[in-house]
């Protein structure tokens, strides 16, 4: 919620680690894309479709994949987690 108070293009990088529901992640990315500078990075935590500990689906992977398809961002880094709670870094190209 606090991200909305900042000016567009304010941040060099943003780490998204909040709700894991698809609609919430999608909304977080839509706001983050306007707050990160060109050449800046959005890092998303828990890039997965399933939580083995909570035994429930996560919407992070679907939201991020759709975001990458529709927006001018590219994947720059991917951090593997042993239980599948990966991080993915997205660079804003324009």
N, C-alpha and C. Protein backbone atom coordinates (compact mmCIF):
# COMPACT_ATOMS: atom_id res chain seq x y z
N UNK A 1 0.81 -1.20 0.00
CA UNK A 1 0.00 0.00 0.00
C UNK A 1 0.86 1.27 0.00
N UNK A 2 2.00 1.20 0.66
CA UNK A 2 2.85 2.38 0.77
C UNK A 2 3.50 2.80 -0.53
N UNK A 3 3.60 1.90 -1.48
CA UNK A 3 4.26 2.21 -2.75
C UNK A 3 3.56 3.33 -3.52
N UNK A 4 2.24 3.43 -3.39
CA UNK A 4 1.47 4.44 -4.13
C UNK A 4 1.82 5.86 -3.73
N UNK A 5 2.38 6.06 -2.56
CA UNK A 5 2.68 7.42 -2.11
C UNK A 5 3.92 8.02 -2.79
N UNK A 6 4.69 7.20 -3.48
CA UNK A 6 5.91 7.69 -4.13
C UNK A 6 5.64 8.13 -5.56
N UNK A 7 6.47 9.03 -6.03
CA UNK A 7 6.39 9.55 -7.39
C UNK A 7 6.73 8.45 -8.40
N UNK A 8 6.21 8.54 -9.63
CA UNK A 8 6.63 7.61 -10.68
C UNK A 8 8.15 7.68 -10.89
N UNK A 9 8.72 6.54 -11.26
CA UNK A 9 10.16 6.43 -11.54
C UNK A 9 11.04 6.76 -10.33
N UNK A 10 10.54 6.57 -9.14
CA UNK A 10 11.26 6.94 -7.92
C UNK A 10 12.34 5.94 -7.53
N UNK A 11 12.07 4.65 -7.70
CA UNK A 11 12.95 3.61 -7.18
C UNK A 11 13.86 3.01 -8.25
N UNK A 12 15.05 2.62 -7.80
CA UNK A 12 15.97 1.86 -8.64
C UNK A 12 15.59 0.38 -8.64
N UNK A 13 15.07 -0.09 -7.52
CA UNK A 13 14.59 -1.48 -7.43
C UNK A 13 13.46 -1.57 -6.40
N UNK A 14 12.59 -2.54 -6.62
CA UNK A 14 11.45 -2.80 -5.73
C UNK A 14 11.39 -4.31 -5.51
N UNK A 15 11.22 -4.71 -4.25
CA UNK A 15 11.09 -6.12 -3.90
C UNK A 15 9.63 -6.38 -3.53
N UNK A 16 8.97 -7.22 -4.31
CA UNK A 16 7.55 -7.52 -4.09
C UNK A 16 7.45 -8.85 -3.34
N UNK A 17 6.96 -8.77 -2.11
CA UNK A 17 6.77 -9.96 -1.28
C UNK A 17 5.58 -9.69 -0.37
N UNK A 18 4.39 -9.91 -0.89
CA UNK A 18 3.17 -9.63 -0.14
C UNK A 18 2.21 -10.81 -0.31
N UNK A 19 1.02 -10.52 -0.73
CA UNK A 19 0.03 -11.57 -0.94
C UNK A 19 0.46 -12.47 -2.09
N UNK A 20 0.03 -13.71 -2.05
CA UNK A 20 0.37 -14.66 -3.10
C UNK A 20 -0.80 -14.95 -4.02
N UNK A 21 -1.90 -14.25 -3.83
CA UNK A 21 -3.07 -14.40 -4.70
C UNK A 21 -2.81 -13.69 -6.03
N UNK A 22 -3.23 -14.33 -7.11
CA UNK A 22 -2.99 -13.81 -8.45
C UNK A 22 -3.39 -12.35 -8.59
N UNK A 23 -4.62 -12.01 -8.21
CA UNK A 23 -5.11 -10.63 -8.39
C UNK A 23 -4.28 -9.62 -7.61
N UNK A 24 -3.83 -10.01 -6.44
CA UNK A 24 -3.02 -9.11 -5.61
C UNK A 24 -1.64 -8.90 -6.22
N UNK A 25 -1.02 -9.97 -6.69
CA UNK A 25 0.30 -9.86 -7.31
C UNK A 25 0.21 -9.02 -8.58
N UNK A 26 -0.84 -9.25 -9.35
CA UNK A 26 -1.04 -8.47 -10.58
C UNK A 26 -1.15 -6.98 -10.26
N UNK A 27 -1.91 -6.64 -9.24
CA UNK A 27 -2.04 -5.24 -8.83
C UNK A 27 -0.72 -4.67 -8.32
N UNK A 28 0.02 -5.46 -7.55
CA UNK A 28 1.33 -5.02 -7.06
C UNK A 28 2.27 -4.71 -8.23
N UNK A 29 2.28 -5.57 -9.23
CA UNK A 29 3.14 -5.35 -10.40
C UNK A 29 2.72 -4.13 -11.21
N UNK A 30 1.43 -3.94 -11.35
CA UNK A 30 0.93 -2.77 -12.09
C UNK A 30 1.38 -1.47 -11.43
N UNK A 31 1.37 -1.43 -10.12
CA UNK A 31 1.84 -0.24 -9.41
C UNK A 31 3.36 -0.15 -9.44
N UNK A 32 4.03 -1.25 -9.20
CA UNK A 32 5.50 -1.25 -9.16
C UNK A 32 6.09 -0.80 -10.50
N UNK A 33 5.48 -1.19 -11.60
CA UNK A 33 6.05 -0.82 -12.92
C UNK A 33 6.08 0.69 -13.11
N UNK A 34 5.19 1.42 -12.45
CA UNK A 34 5.17 2.87 -12.59
C UNK A 34 6.12 3.55 -11.61
N UNK A 35 6.57 2.83 -10.60
CA UNK A 35 7.43 3.43 -9.57
C UNK A 35 8.90 3.10 -9.75
N UNK A 36 9.22 2.11 -10.56
CA UNK A 36 10.61 1.76 -10.80
C UNK A 36 11.11 2.50 -12.05
N UNK A 37 12.33 2.98 -12.01
CA UNK A 37 12.92 3.74 -13.12
C UNK A 37 13.20 2.84 -14.32
N UNK A 38 13.32 3.44 -15.49
CA UNK A 38 13.79 2.72 -16.66
C UNK A 38 15.19 2.21 -16.34
N UNK A 39 15.42 0.95 -16.59
CA UNK A 39 16.68 0.31 -16.23
C UNK A 39 16.67 -0.26 -14.82
N UNK A 40 15.61 0.03 -14.07
CA UNK A 40 15.47 -0.46 -12.71
C UNK A 40 14.90 -1.88 -12.68
N UNK A 41 14.80 -2.43 -11.48
CA UNK A 41 14.45 -3.83 -11.32
C UNK A 41 13.29 -4.02 -10.33
N UNK A 42 12.39 -4.92 -10.70
CA UNK A 42 11.38 -5.42 -9.78
C UNK A 42 11.74 -6.87 -9.49
N UNK A 43 11.87 -7.18 -8.21
CA UNK A 43 12.16 -8.55 -7.79
C UNK A 43 10.90 -9.11 -7.14
N UNK A 44 10.47 -10.26 -7.61
CA UNK A 44 9.28 -10.90 -7.05
C UNK A 44 9.68 -12.15 -6.29
N UNK A 45 9.21 -12.24 -5.07
CA UNK A 45 9.45 -13.39 -4.20
C UNK A 45 8.37 -14.44 -4.42
N UNK A 46 8.70 -15.67 -4.13
CA UNK A 46 7.75 -16.79 -4.20
C UNK A 46 7.19 -17.01 -5.60
N UNK A 47 8.08 -16.95 -6.58
CA UNK A 47 7.71 -17.20 -7.98
C UNK A 47 7.49 -18.70 -8.14
N UNK A 48 6.27 -19.11 -7.85
CA UNK A 48 5.89 -20.52 -7.89
C UNK A 48 4.38 -20.63 -8.07
N UNK A 49 3.92 -21.83 -8.36
CA UNK A 49 2.48 -22.05 -8.49
C UNK A 49 1.90 -22.78 -7.27
N UNK A 50 2.78 -23.26 -6.36
CA UNK A 50 2.32 -24.09 -5.26
C UNK A 50 3.20 -23.90 -4.03
N UNK A 51 2.57 -23.80 -2.88
CA UNK A 51 3.30 -23.74 -1.61
C UNK A 51 3.26 -25.09 -0.94
N UNK A 52 4.40 -25.79 -0.85
CA UNK A 52 4.39 -27.09 -0.21
C UNK A 52 4.15 -27.02 1.30
N UNK A 53 4.47 -25.90 1.93
CA UNK A 53 4.28 -25.78 3.38
C UNK A 53 2.84 -25.40 3.73
N UNK A 54 2.25 -24.53 2.93
CA UNK A 54 0.86 -24.11 3.17
C UNK A 54 -0.14 -25.03 2.47
N UNK A 55 0.37 -25.84 1.55
CA UNK A 55 -0.44 -26.77 0.75
C UNK A 55 -1.59 -26.00 0.08
N UNK A 56 -1.20 -24.98 -0.68
CA UNK A 56 -2.18 -24.18 -1.41
C UNK A 56 -1.53 -23.57 -2.64
N UNK A 57 -2.35 -23.24 -3.63
CA UNK A 57 -1.79 -22.65 -4.85
C UNK A 57 -1.35 -21.20 -4.62
N UNK A 58 -0.35 -20.80 -5.39
CA UNK A 58 0.12 -19.42 -5.43
C UNK A 58 -0.12 -18.88 -6.83
N UNK A 59 -0.48 -17.60 -6.92
CA UNK A 59 -0.73 -16.98 -8.22
C UNK A 59 0.43 -16.14 -8.72
N UNK A 60 1.56 -16.22 -8.05
CA UNK A 60 2.70 -15.36 -8.38
C UNK A 60 3.24 -15.67 -9.78
N UNK A 61 3.48 -16.92 -10.08
CA UNK A 61 4.06 -17.28 -11.38
C UNK A 61 3.17 -16.83 -12.53
N UNK A 62 1.88 -17.08 -12.43
CA UNK A 62 0.96 -16.68 -13.50
C UNK A 62 0.96 -15.17 -13.67
N UNK A 63 0.88 -14.42 -12.58
CA UNK A 63 0.85 -12.96 -12.67
C UNK A 63 2.14 -12.41 -13.28
N UNK A 64 3.29 -12.95 -12.85
CA UNK A 64 4.58 -12.49 -13.38
C UNK A 64 4.71 -12.85 -14.85
N UNK A 65 4.35 -14.06 -15.23
CA UNK A 65 4.47 -14.47 -16.63
C UNK A 65 3.60 -13.61 -17.54
N UNK A 66 2.38 -13.32 -17.12
CA UNK A 66 1.52 -12.44 -17.92
C UNK A 66 2.09 -11.03 -17.99
N UNK A 67 2.62 -10.54 -16.89
CA UNK A 67 3.25 -9.22 -16.84
C UNK A 67 4.40 -9.15 -17.84
N UNK A 68 5.24 -10.17 -17.86
CA UNK A 68 6.37 -10.20 -18.80
C UNK A 68 5.91 -10.24 -20.25
N UNK A 69 4.82 -10.91 -20.51
CA UNK A 69 4.28 -10.98 -21.87
C UNK A 69 3.75 -9.63 -22.33
N UNK A 70 3.16 -8.87 -21.41
CA UNK A 70 2.47 -7.64 -21.76
C UNK A 70 3.29 -6.37 -21.59
N UNK A 71 4.33 -6.40 -20.81
CA UNK A 71 5.10 -5.19 -20.47
C UNK A 71 6.52 -5.27 -21.02
N UNK A 72 7.19 -4.12 -21.06
CA UNK A 72 8.55 -4.05 -21.57
C UNK A 72 9.56 -4.28 -20.45
N UNK A 73 9.54 -5.50 -19.92
CA UNK A 73 10.46 -5.95 -18.89
C UNK A 73 11.09 -7.25 -19.35
N UNK A 74 12.31 -7.51 -18.90
CA UNK A 74 12.99 -8.77 -19.21
C UNK A 74 13.50 -9.39 -17.91
N UNK A 75 13.65 -10.70 -17.90
CA UNK A 75 14.20 -11.41 -16.75
C UNK A 75 15.71 -11.25 -16.77
N UNK A 76 16.27 -10.81 -15.64
CA UNK A 76 17.72 -10.66 -15.54
C UNK A 76 18.34 -11.68 -14.59
N UNK A 77 17.59 -12.11 -13.59
CA UNK A 77 18.12 -13.05 -12.60
C UNK A 77 17.01 -13.97 -12.11
N UNK A 78 17.43 -15.14 -11.69
CA UNK A 78 16.49 -16.11 -11.12
C UNK A 78 17.22 -16.81 -9.98
N UNK A 79 16.63 -16.78 -8.80
CA UNK A 79 17.25 -17.41 -7.63
C UNK A 79 16.41 -18.61 -7.22
N UNK A 80 17.02 -19.77 -7.25
CA UNK A 80 16.32 -21.00 -6.89
C UNK A 80 16.27 -21.18 -5.38
N UNK A 81 15.15 -21.66 -4.90
CA UNK A 81 14.98 -21.98 -3.49
C UNK A 81 14.73 -23.48 -3.40
N UNK A 82 15.28 -24.16 -2.42
CA UNK A 82 15.16 -25.62 -2.37
C UNK A 82 13.73 -26.15 -2.27
N UNK A 83 12.80 -25.35 -1.76
CA UNK A 83 11.41 -25.79 -1.64
C UNK A 83 10.50 -25.14 -2.68
N UNK A 84 11.09 -24.42 -3.64
CA UNK A 84 10.31 -23.85 -4.75
C UNK A 84 9.89 -22.41 -4.57
N UNK A 85 10.30 -21.76 -3.50
CA UNK A 85 9.94 -20.35 -3.27
C UNK A 85 10.98 -19.44 -3.94
N UNK A 86 11.02 -19.47 -5.26
CA UNK A 86 12.06 -18.80 -6.04
C UNK A 86 11.86 -17.28 -6.05
N UNK A 87 12.94 -16.57 -6.39
CA UNK A 87 12.90 -15.14 -6.68
C UNK A 87 13.20 -14.94 -8.15
N UNK A 88 12.56 -13.94 -8.75
CA UNK A 88 12.81 -13.61 -10.15
C UNK A 88 12.96 -12.09 -10.25
N UNK A 89 13.97 -11.64 -10.98
CA UNK A 89 14.25 -10.22 -11.15
C UNK A 89 13.89 -9.79 -12.56
N UNK A 90 13.13 -8.70 -12.65
CA UNK A 90 12.63 -8.17 -13.92
C UNK A 90 13.16 -6.77 -14.13
N UNK A 91 13.82 -6.53 -15.26
CA UNK A 91 14.39 -5.21 -15.57
C UNK A 91 13.44 -4.43 -16.48
N UNK A 92 13.19 -3.17 -16.12
CA UNK A 92 12.35 -2.29 -16.95
C UNK A 92 13.18 -1.77 -18.13
N UNK A 93 12.73 -2.06 -19.34
CA UNK A 93 13.48 -1.67 -20.54
C UNK A 93 13.12 -0.28 -21.05
N UNK A 94 11.88 0.12 -20.88
CA UNK A 94 11.48 1.46 -21.35
C UNK A 94 10.40 2.03 -20.47
